[in-house]
């Protein structure tokens, strides 16, 4: 089953790239057209983004296509591998839905364009950072699908560093840009988990 779960992970990884590709291309066009209103990107952000990419894609691909990391394999019950597949499908849906709801307001970094709008509908009605929530689900799925002590937790560890550094800075940027509107939005939503009773 190990190979089946590797294939499932690889297919999900390809689907994630297909979901994100048009949004990355649009963002590049906007940057060329100088539509940027504000950027809080710094060199550490770029470094951490590369680390997260390594955990989400590079290390898993090394594990899938080479025997180099096999010394660190572990074995889980088969049902947990299938649970990982289901979680990855949920992550992909949330990633797709988040991008669809954000539309032209998505940026891969701490940037705001001149036409940026605060989106509070769709999945953003429930949580402020559904793309980050999708990445956390991806990380859990990876642990269950890639049963290896290096490749399995790589996303949770390396993406986690990005999340805990970036999220407070991103929210401060949104507060500075949208003010009370974003403050009220924060009070009625959770970051990556919906608030109960809201």
C-alpha atoms as a PDB file:
ATOM      1  CA  UNK A   1       0.000   0.000   0.000  1.00  0.00           C
ATOM      2  CA  UNK A   2       2.980   2.279   0.502  1.00  0.00           C
ATOM      3  CA  UNK A   3       3.299   2.830  -3.261  1.00  0.00           C
ATOM      4  CA  UNK A   4      -0.441   3.457  -3.604  1.00  0.00           C
ATOM      5  CA  UNK A   5      -0.271   6.184  -0.969  1.00  0.00           C
ATOM      6  CA  UNK A   6       2.768   7.712  -2.658  1.00  0.00           C
ATOM      7  CA  UNK A   7       0.830   7.839  -5.946  1.00  0.00           C
ATOM      8  CA  UNK A   8      -2.178   9.417  -4.214  1.00  0.00           C
ATOM      9  CA  UNK A   9       0.085  12.057  -2.688  1.00  0.00           C
ATOM     10  CA  UNK A  10       1.705  12.753  -6.054  1.00  0.00           C
ATOM     11  CA  UNK A  11      -1.665  13.123  -7.797  1.00  0.00           C
ATOM     12  CA  UNK A  12      -2.886  15.485  -5.071  1.00  0.00           C
ATOM     13  CA  UNK A  13       0.331  17.505  -5.353  1.00  0.00           C
ATOM     14  CA  UNK A  14      -0.219  17.897  -9.109  1.00  0.00           C
ATOM     15  CA  UNK A  15      -3.839  18.955  -8.557  1.00  0.00           C
ATOM     16  CA  UNK A  16      -2.707  21.555  -5.999  1.00  0.00           C
ATOM     17  CA  UNK A  17      -0.281  23.002  -8.542  1.00  0.00           C
ATOM     18  CA  UNK A  18      -3.037  23.102 -11.186  1.00  0.00           C
ATOM     19  CA  UNK A  19      -5.301  24.968  -8.742  1.00  0.00           C
ATOM     20  CA  UNK A  20      -2.628  27.546  -7.905  1.00  0.00           C
ATOM     21  CA  UNK A  21      -1.044  28.046 -11.336  1.00  0.00           C
ATOM     22  CA  UNK A  22      -3.515  30.592 -12.805  1.00  0.00           C
ATOM     23  CA  UNK A  23      -3.441  32.648  -9.608  1.00  0.00           C
ATOM     24  CA  UNK A  24       0.352  32.753  -9.580  1.00  0.00           C
ATOM     25  CA  UNK A  25       0.369  33.844 -13.235  1.00  0.00           C
ATOM     26  CA  UNK A  26      -2.157  36.613 -12.568  1.00  0.00           C
ATOM     27  CA  UNK A  27      -0.141  37.806  -9.577  1.00  0.00           C
ATOM     28  CA  UNK A  28       3.018  37.995 -11.725  1.00  0.00           C
ATOM     29  CA  UNK A  29       1.142  40.077 -14.322  1.00  0.00           C
ATOM     30  CA  UNK A  30      -0.064  42.454 -11.611  1.00  0.00           C
ATOM     31  CA  UNK A  31       3.464  42.884 -10.302  1.00  0.00           C
ATOM     32  CA  UNK A  32       4.697  43.694 -13.819  1.00  0.00           C
ATOM     33  CA  UNK A  33       1.890  46.245 -14.211  1.00  0.00           C
ATOM     34  CA  UNK A  34       2.907  47.837 -10.893  1.00  0.00           C
ATOM     35  CA  UNK A  35      -0.510  47.402  -9.285  1.00  0.00           C
ATOM     36  CA  UNK A  36       1.104  46.858  -5.906  1.00  0.00           C
ATOM     37  CA  UNK A  37      -0.062  49.251  -3.182  1.00  0.00           C
ATOM     38  CA  UNK A  38       1.966  47.841  -0.295  1.00  0.00           C
ATOM     39  CA  UNK A  39       4.464  45.073   0.367  1.00  0.00           C
ATOM     40  CA  UNK A  40       5.819  43.895   3.700  1.00  0.00           C
ATOM     41  CA  UNK A  41       7.891  41.142   2.159  1.00  0.00           C
ATOM     42  CA  UNK A  42      11.405  40.809   3.531  1.00  0.00           C
ATOM     43  CA  UNK A  43      14.330  38.453   2.787  1.00  0.00           C
ATOM     44  CA  UNK A  44      13.411  36.159   5.676  1.00  0.00           C
ATOM     45  CA  UNK A  45       9.933  35.684   4.154  1.00  0.00           C
ATOM     46  CA  UNK A  46      11.494  34.550   0.886  1.00  0.00           C
ATOM     47  CA  UNK A  47      13.802  32.130   2.712  1.00  0.00           C
ATOM     48  CA  UNK A  48      10.943  30.685   4.749  1.00  0.00           C
ATOM     49  CA  UNK A  49       8.782  30.306   1.626  1.00  0.00           C
ATOM     50  CA  UNK A  50      11.546  28.211   0.066  1.00  0.00           C
ATOM     51  CA  UNK A  51      11.726  26.106   3.230  1.00  0.00           C
ATOM     52  CA  UNK A  52       7.966  25.526   3.158  1.00  0.00           C
ATOM     53  CA  UNK A  53       8.166  24.604  -0.536  1.00  0.00           C
ATOM     54  CA  UNK A  54      10.895  22.124   0.374  1.00  0.00           C
ATOM     55  CA  UNK A  55       8.685  20.514   3.002  1.00  0.00           C
ATOM     56  CA  UNK A  56       5.591  20.426   0.844  1.00  0.00           C
ATOM     57  CA  UNK A  57       7.109  19.374  -2.466  1.00  0.00           C
ATOM     58  CA  UNK A  58      10.872  18.797  -2.657  1.00  0.00           C
ATOM     59  CA  UNK A  59      11.332  16.418   0.290  1.00  0.00           C
ATOM     60  CA  UNK A  60       8.194  14.412  -0.595  1.00  0.00           C
ATOM     61  CA  UNK A  61       9.344  14.076  -4.227  1.00  0.00           C
ATOM     62  CA  UNK A  62      12.768  12.887  -3.081  1.00  0.00           C
ATOM     63  CA  UNK A  63      11.022  10.316  -0.891  1.00  0.00           C
ATOM     64  CA  UNK A  64       8.673   9.194  -3.667  1.00  0.00           C
ATOM     65  CA  UNK A  65      11.262   8.896  -6.449  1.00  0.00           C
ATOM     66  CA  UNK A  66      14.424   7.797  -4.626  1.00  0.00           C
ATOM     67  CA  UNK A  67      15.331   5.336  -1.846  1.00  0.00           C
ATOM     68  CA  UNK A  68      17.419   7.994  -0.040  1.00  0.00           C
ATOM     69  CA  UNK A  69      15.005   8.480   2.858  1.00  0.00           C
ATOM     70  CA  UNK A  70      13.829   4.876   3.214  1.00  0.00           C
ATOM     71  CA  UNK A  71      15.921   4.393   6.370  1.00  0.00           C
ATOM     72  CA  UNK A  72      13.377   6.621   8.173  1.00  0.00           C
ATOM     73  CA  UNK A  73      10.199   4.765   7.128  1.00  0.00           C
ATOM     74  CA  UNK A  74       7.439   3.895   9.575  1.00  0.00           C
ATOM     75  CA  UNK A  75       4.275   1.871   9.125  1.00  0.00           C
ATOM     76  CA  UNK A  76       0.750   2.916  10.000  1.00  0.00           C
ATOM     77  CA  UNK A  77      -2.476   0.917   9.708  1.00  0.00           C
ATOM     78  CA  UNK A  78      -3.802   1.030   6.129  1.00  0.00           C
ATOM     79  CA  UNK A  79      -6.970   2.798   7.245  1.00  0.00           C
ATOM     80  CA  UNK A  80      -4.868   5.803   8.320  1.00  0.00           C
ATOM     81  CA  UNK A  81      -3.364   6.038   4.831  1.00  0.00           C
ATOM     82  CA  UNK A  82      -6.882   6.186   3.379  1.00  0.00           C
ATOM     83  CA  UNK A  83      -7.802   8.792   5.998  1.00  0.00           C
ATOM     84  CA  UNK A  84      -4.789  10.805   4.797  1.00  0.00           C
ATOM     85  CA  UNK A  85      -6.106  10.579   1.231  1.00  0.00           C
ATOM     86  CA  UNK A  86      -9.519  11.864   2.348  1.00  0.00           C
ATOM     87  CA  UNK A  87      -7.916  14.715   4.297  1.00  0.00           C
ATOM     88  CA  UNK A  88      -5.823  15.693   1.263  1.00  0.00           C
ATOM     89  CA  UNK A  89      -8.963  15.774  -0.899  1.00  0.00           C
ATOM     90  CA  UNK A  90     -10.581  18.079   1.694  1.00  0.00           C
ATOM     91  CA  UNK A  91      -7.443  20.265   1.641  1.00  0.00           C
ATOM     92  CA  UNK A  92      -7.605  20.500  -2.156  1.00  0.00           C
ATOM     93  CA  UNK A  93     -11.278  21.458  -2.082  1.00  0.00           C
ATOM     94  CA  UNK A  94     -10.579  24.149   0.512  1.00  0.00           C
ATOM     95  CA  UNK A  95      -7.588  25.411  -1.491  1.00  0.00           C
ATOM     96  CA  UNK A  96      -9.683  25.618  -4.675  1.00  0.00           C
ATOM     97  CA  UNK A  97     -12.663  27.222  -2.925  1.00  0.00           C
ATOM     98  CA  UNK A  98     -10.427  29.771  -1.163  1.00  0.00           C
ATOM     99  CA  UNK A  99      -8.852  30.886  -4.425  1.00  0.00           C
ATOM    100  CA  UNK A 100     -12.249  31.020  -6.128  1.00  0.00           C
ATOM    101  CA  UNK A 101     -13.672  33.186  -3.325  1.00  0.00           C
ATOM    102  CA  UNK A 102     -10.619  35.479  -3.224  1.00  0.00           C
ATOM    103  CA  UNK A 103     -10.508  36.019  -6.961  1.00  0.00           C
ATOM    104  CA  UNK A 104      -8.183  38.911  -7.789  1.00  0.00           C
ATOM    105  CA  UNK A 105      -7.369  39.558  -4.137  1.00  0.00           C
ATOM    106  CA  UNK A 106      -4.860  36.714  -3.677  1.00  0.00           C
ATOM    107  CA  UNK A 107      -1.160  37.296  -3.237  1.00  0.00           C
ATOM    108  CA  UNK A 108       1.439  34.648  -2.393  1.00  0.00           C
ATOM    109  CA  UNK A 109       3.228  37.044  -0.055  1.00  0.00           C
ATOM    110  CA  UNK A 110       2.556  39.990   2.250  1.00  0.00           C
ATOM    111  CA  UNK A 111       1.313  42.305  -0.487  1.00  0.00           C
ATOM    112  CA  UNK A 112      -1.798  44.348  -1.192  1.00  0.00           C
ATOM    113  CA  UNK A 113      -2.747  45.669  -4.610  1.00  0.00           C
ATOM    114  CA  UNK A 114      -4.415  49.014  -5.234  1.00  0.00           C
ATOM    115  CA  UNK A 115      -7.727  47.284  -6.044  1.00  0.00           C
ATOM    116  CA  UNK A 116      -7.572  44.947  -3.032  1.00  0.00           C
ATOM    117  CA  UNK A 117     -10.921  44.221  -1.388  1.00  0.00           C
ATOM    118  CA  UNK A 118     -11.695  42.551   1.923  1.00  0.00           C
ATOM    119  CA  UNK A 119     -13.399  39.241   1.134  1.00  0.00           C
ATOM    120  CA  UNK A 120     -15.763  37.987   3.848  1.00  0.00           C
ATOM    121  CA  UNK A 121     -18.022  35.647   1.864  1.00  0.00           C
ATOM    122  CA  UNK A 122     -17.792  31.985   0.915  1.00  0.00           C
ATOM    123  CA  UNK A 123     -15.280  30.113   3.079  1.00  0.00           C
ATOM    124  CA  UNK A 124     -14.011  33.494   4.284  1.00  0.00           C
ATOM    125  CA  UNK A 125     -17.332  33.917   6.082  1.00  0.00           C
ATOM    126  CA  UNK A 126     -16.158  31.238   8.535  1.00  0.00           C
ATOM    127  CA  UNK A 127     -12.363  31.585   8.717  1.00  0.00           C
ATOM    128  CA  UNK A 128      -9.909  34.349   7.844  1.00  0.00           C
ATOM    129  CA  UNK A 129      -7.186  32.098   6.444  1.00  0.00           C
ATOM    130  CA  UNK A 130      -8.707  29.127   4.615  1.00  0.00           C
ATOM    131  CA  UNK A 131      -5.635  28.718   2.393  1.00  0.00           C
ATOM    132  CA  UNK A 132      -3.522  28.334   5.524  1.00  0.00           C
ATOM    133  CA  UNK A 133      -6.120  25.883   6.875  1.00  0.00           C
ATOM    134  CA  UNK A 134      -5.750  23.899   3.638  1.00  0.00           C
ATOM    135  CA  UNK A 135      -1.977  23.814   4.161  1.00  0.00           C
ATOM    136  CA  UNK A 136      -2.423  22.456   7.692  1.00  0.00           C
ATOM    137  CA  UNK A 137      -4.741  19.744   6.340  1.00  0.00           C
ATOM    138  CA  UNK A 138      -2.142  19.008   3.654  1.00  0.00           C
ATOM    139  CA  UNK A 139       0.467  18.575   6.385  1.00  0.00           C
ATOM    140  CA  UNK A 140      -1.682  16.117   8.335  1.00  0.00           C
ATOM    141  CA  UNK A 141      -2.447  14.178   5.146  1.00  0.00           C
ATOM    142  CA  UNK A 142       1.261  14.052   4.321  1.00  0.00           C
ATOM    143  CA  UNK A 143       2.076  12.434   7.680  1.00  0.00           C
ATOM    144  CA  UNK A 144      -0.498   9.717   6.969  1.00  0.00           C
ATOM    145  CA  UNK A 145       0.314   9.181   3.281  1.00  0.00           C
ATOM    146  CA  UNK A 146       4.111   9.438   3.300  1.00  0.00           C
ATOM    147  CA  UNK A 147       5.004   7.141   6.160  1.00  0.00           C
ATOM    148  CA  UNK A 148       8.510   8.398   6.691  1.00  0.00           C
ATOM    149  CA  UNK A 149       9.930  10.337   9.664  1.00  0.00           C
ATOM    150  CA  UNK A 150      11.501  12.932   7.333  1.00  0.00           C
ATOM    151  CA  UNK A 151       9.041  13.275   4.441  1.00  0.00           C
ATOM    152  CA  UNK A 152       5.891  12.729   6.510  1.00  0.00           C
ATOM    153  CA  UNK A 153       6.101  15.664   8.942  1.00  0.00           C
ATOM    154  CA  UNK A 154       8.083  17.973   6.622  1.00  0.00           C
ATOM    155  CA  UNK A 155       5.106  20.185   5.771  1.00  0.00           C
ATOM    156  CA  UNK A 156       3.868  20.460   9.349  1.00  0.00           C
ATOM    157  CA  UNK A 157       7.327  21.492  10.531  1.00  0.00           C
ATOM    158  CA  UNK A 158       8.506  23.774   7.733  1.00  0.00           C
ATOM    159  CA  UNK A 159       5.147  25.297   6.783  1.00  0.00           C
ATOM    160  CA  UNK A 160       4.422  25.747  10.489  1.00  0.00           C
ATOM    161  CA  UNK A 161       7.388  28.126  10.773  1.00  0.00           C
ATOM    162  CA  UNK A 162       5.998  30.215   7.904  1.00  0.00           C
ATOM    163  CA  UNK A 163       2.480  30.227   9.359  1.00  0.00           C
ATOM    164  CA  UNK A 164       3.478  31.380  12.847  1.00  0.00           C
ATOM    165  CA  UNK A 165       5.720  34.137  11.482  1.00  0.00           C
ATOM    166  CA  UNK A 166       3.478  35.340   8.661  1.00  0.00           C
ATOM    167  CA  UNK A 167      -0.050  35.242  10.057  1.00  0.00           C
ATOM    168  CA  UNK A 168       0.303  37.966  12.732  1.00  0.00           C
ATOM    169  CA  UNK A 169       2.130  40.218  10.242  1.00  0.00           C
ATOM    170  CA  UNK A 170      -0.494  39.610   7.574  1.00  0.00           C
ATOM    171  CA  UNK A 171      -3.302  40.400   9.979  1.00  0.00           C
ATOM    172  CA  UNK A 172      -1.542  43.597  11.062  1.00  0.00           C
ATOM    173  CA  UNK A 173      -1.207  44.621   7.415  1.00  0.00           C
ATOM    174  CA  UNK A 174      -4.918  43.991   6.878  1.00  0.00           C
ATOM    175  CA  UNK A 175      -5.756  45.997  10.007  1.00  0.00           C
ATOM    176  CA  UNK A 176      -3.592  48.864   8.778  1.00  0.00           C
ATOM    177  CA  UNK A 177      -5.240  48.758   5.354  1.00  0.00           C
ATOM    178  CA  UNK A 178      -8.905  48.012   6.228  1.00  0.00           C
ATOM    179  CA  UNK A 179      -9.063  49.289   9.819  1.00  0.00           C
ATOM    180  CA  UNK A 180     -12.287  48.729  11.752  1.00  0.00           C
ATOM    181  CA  UNK A 181     -13.779  46.633   8.959  1.00  0.00           C
ATOM    182  CA  UNK A 182     -11.046  44.021   9.393  1.00  0.00           C
ATOM    183  CA  UNK A 183     -11.140  44.344  13.192  1.00  0.00           C
ATOM    184  CA  UNK A 184     -14.852  43.483  13.168  1.00  0.00           C
ATOM    185  CA  UNK A 185     -14.158  40.609  10.754  1.00  0.00           C
ATOM    186  CA  UNK A 186     -11.523  39.235  13.166  1.00  0.00           C
ATOM    187  CA  UNK A 187     -14.017  39.295  16.026  1.00  0.00           C
ATOM    188  CA  UNK A 188     -16.531  37.102  14.217  1.00  0.00           C
ATOM    189  CA  UNK A 189     -14.185  34.585  12.564  1.00  0.00           C
ATOM    190  CA  UNK A 190     -11.464  32.174  13.561  1.00  0.00           C
ATOM    191  CA  UNK A 191      -8.038  32.137  11.938  1.00  0.00           C
ATOM    192  CA  UNK A 192      -8.081  28.598  10.530  1.00  0.00           C
ATOM    193  CA  UNK A 193     -10.884  26.997  12.556  1.00  0.00           C
ATOM    194  CA  UNK A 194     -14.429  28.451  12.559  1.00  0.00           C
ATOM    195  CA  UNK A 195     -15.516  30.055  15.805  1.00  0.00           C
ATOM    196  CA  UNK A 196     -18.181  28.096  17.619  1.00  0.00           C
ATOM    197  CA  UNK A 197     -21.472  29.889  18.120  1.00  0.00           C
ATOM    198  CA  UNK A 198     -20.822  32.443  15.353  1.00  0.00           C
END
